[in-house]
Protein backbone atom coordinates (compact mmCIF):
# COMPACT_ATOMS: atom_id res chain seq x y z
CA UNK A 1 -6.62 -18.06 -29.32
CA UNK A 2 -5.52 -21.59 -29.56
CA UNK A 3 -6.39 -25.30 -29.76
CA UNK A 4 -9.23 -26.55 -27.62
CA UNK A 5 -7.98 -28.61 -24.83
CA UNK A 6 -9.03 -32.23 -24.64
CA UNK A 7 -10.91 -33.47 -21.62
CA UNK A 8 -9.18 -35.53 -19.06
CA UNK A 9 -11.16 -38.62 -20.37
CA UNK A 10 -9.41 -38.03 -23.73
CA UNK A 11 -5.86 -37.54 -22.39
CA UNK A 12 -3.63 -35.98 -19.91
CA UNK A 13 -3.44 -32.57 -21.47
CA UNK A 14 -5.64 -30.84 -18.80
CA UNK A 15 -3.70 -32.36 -15.99
CA UNK A 16 -0.43 -31.17 -17.49
CA UNK A 17 -1.73 -27.63 -18.12
CA UNK A 18 -3.16 -27.36 -14.65
CA UNK A 19 0.27 -28.44 -13.16
CA UNK A 20 1.79 -25.76 -15.34
CA UNK A 21 -0.76 -23.26 -13.97
CA UNK A 22 -0.02 -24.08 -10.52
CA UNK A 23 3.67 -23.53 -11.01
CA UNK A 24 2.76 -20.10 -12.55
CA UNK A 25 1.51 -19.05 -9.15
CA UNK A 26 5.11 -18.54 -8.25
CA UNK A 27 5.58 -16.25 -11.03
CA UNK A 28 2.56 -14.10 -10.23
CA UNK A 29 3.74 -13.33 -6.79
CA UNK A 30 7.17 -12.32 -8.00
CA UNK A 31 5.88 -10.24 -10.92
CA UNK A 32 3.20 -8.50 -8.96
CA UNK A 33 4.72 -8.02 -5.71
CA UNK A 34 8.50 -8.51 -6.12
CA UNK A 35 8.61 -11.08 -3.31
CA UNK A 36 11.99 -12.77 -3.45
CA UNK A 37 11.23 -15.71 -1.06
CA UNK A 38 9.33 -18.64 -2.62
CA UNK A 39 8.31 -20.09 0.85
CA UNK A 40 5.84 -17.04 1.17
CA UNK A 41 4.20 -17.79 -2.23
CA UNK A 42 0.61 -18.81 -2.05
CA UNK A 43 -0.18 -22.10 -3.81
CA UNK A 44 -3.32 -23.36 -5.62
CA UNK A 45 -4.04 -26.89 -6.21
CA UNK A 46 -4.88 -28.08 -9.59
CA UNK A 47 -8.39 -28.84 -8.40
CA UNK A 48 -8.81 -25.29 -7.04
CA UNK A 49 -7.63 -23.80 -10.31
CA UNK A 50 -9.75 -26.09 -12.30
CA UNK A 51 -12.79 -24.95 -10.33
CA UNK A 52 -11.89 -21.25 -11.00
CA UNK A 53 -11.35 -21.56 -14.74
CA UNK A 54 -13.99 -19.50 -16.51
CA UNK A 55 -14.55 -17.30 -13.41
CA UNK A 56 -14.87 -13.62 -14.02
CA UNK A 57 -12.75 -13.11 -10.88
CA UNK A 58 -9.85 -14.83 -12.40
CA UNK A 59 -7.17 -13.48 -14.64
CA UNK A 60 -5.13 -16.18 -16.16
CA UNK A 61 -1.82 -15.22 -17.98
CA UNK A 62 0.37 -17.44 -20.03
CA UNK A 63 3.93 -16.10 -19.62
CA UNK A 64 5.85 -18.49 -21.71
CA UNK A 65 8.30 -16.99 -24.15
CA UNK A 66 6.91 -16.24 -27.54
CA UNK A 67 8.83 -19.10 -29.12
CA UNK A 68 7.66 -21.70 -26.60
CA UNK A 69 4.05 -20.32 -26.78
CA UNK A 70 4.04 -20.33 -30.52
CA UNK A 71 5.30 -23.95 -30.71
CA UNK A 72 2.86 -25.37 -28.22
CA UNK A 73 -0.47 -26.63 -29.09
CA UNK A 74 -1.42 -26.57 -25.51
CA UNK A 75 -3.02 -23.54 -24.28
CA UNK A 76 -5.50 -22.87 -21.55
CA UNK A 77 -8.73 -21.39 -23.25
CA UNK A 78 -9.23 -17.75 -21.78
CA UNK A 79 -5.61 -17.28 -20.82
CA UNK A 80 -3.90 -14.11 -22.20
CA UNK A 81 -0.29 -14.29 -23.37
CA UNK A 82 2.02 -11.78 -21.69
CA UNK A 83 5.73 -11.28 -22.51
CA UNK A 84 7.70 -12.47 -19.68
CA UNK A 85 10.49 -9.93 -20.52
CA UNK A 86 8.04 -7.00 -20.03
CA UNK A 87 6.71 -7.83 -16.69
CA UNK A 88 7.57 -4.24 -15.44
CA UNK A 89 5.32 -2.92 -18.29
CA UNK A 90 2.27 -4.92 -17.81
CA UNK A 91 2.28 -5.93 -14.11
CA UNK A 92 1.06 -2.48 -13.00
CA UNK A 93 -1.97 -2.76 -15.40
CA UNK A 94 -3.39 -5.90 -13.69
CA UNK A 95 -6.73 -5.52 -11.75
CA UNK A 96 -6.28 -5.47 -8.02
CA UNK A 97 -9.65 -6.84 -7.34
CA UNK A 98 -9.08 -10.17 -9.11
CA UNK A 99 -7.08 -13.38 -8.56
CA UNK A 100 -4.17 -13.42 -10.99
CA UNK A 101 -2.59 -16.73 -11.92
CA UNK A 102 0.38 -16.89 -14.24
CA UNK A 103 1.66 -20.11 -15.75
CA UNK A 104 4.57 -21.17 -17.98
CA UNK A 105 6.19 -24.31 -19.20
């Protein structure tokens, strides 16, 4: 699906991607529940997200624009790219029994 992410020992790529993933939590809540107030958005720390990566109970979605996604060499392995302009189309198909995290840049 994309380039393999370097370890933290090799560079700061993982830290940057995890930060992006945390910011994506905000997008998840808005897309899935239409909450308009960000103060009610649950947050996940980079360490919490890092611990969950690879879990079968996590759905990780990259919601960057196609152009931004295509130009980037930084992608979290296992994340599926979803069109942010079509949230109404795909948000209803997400599993209700899994934790969903969206991230963007």
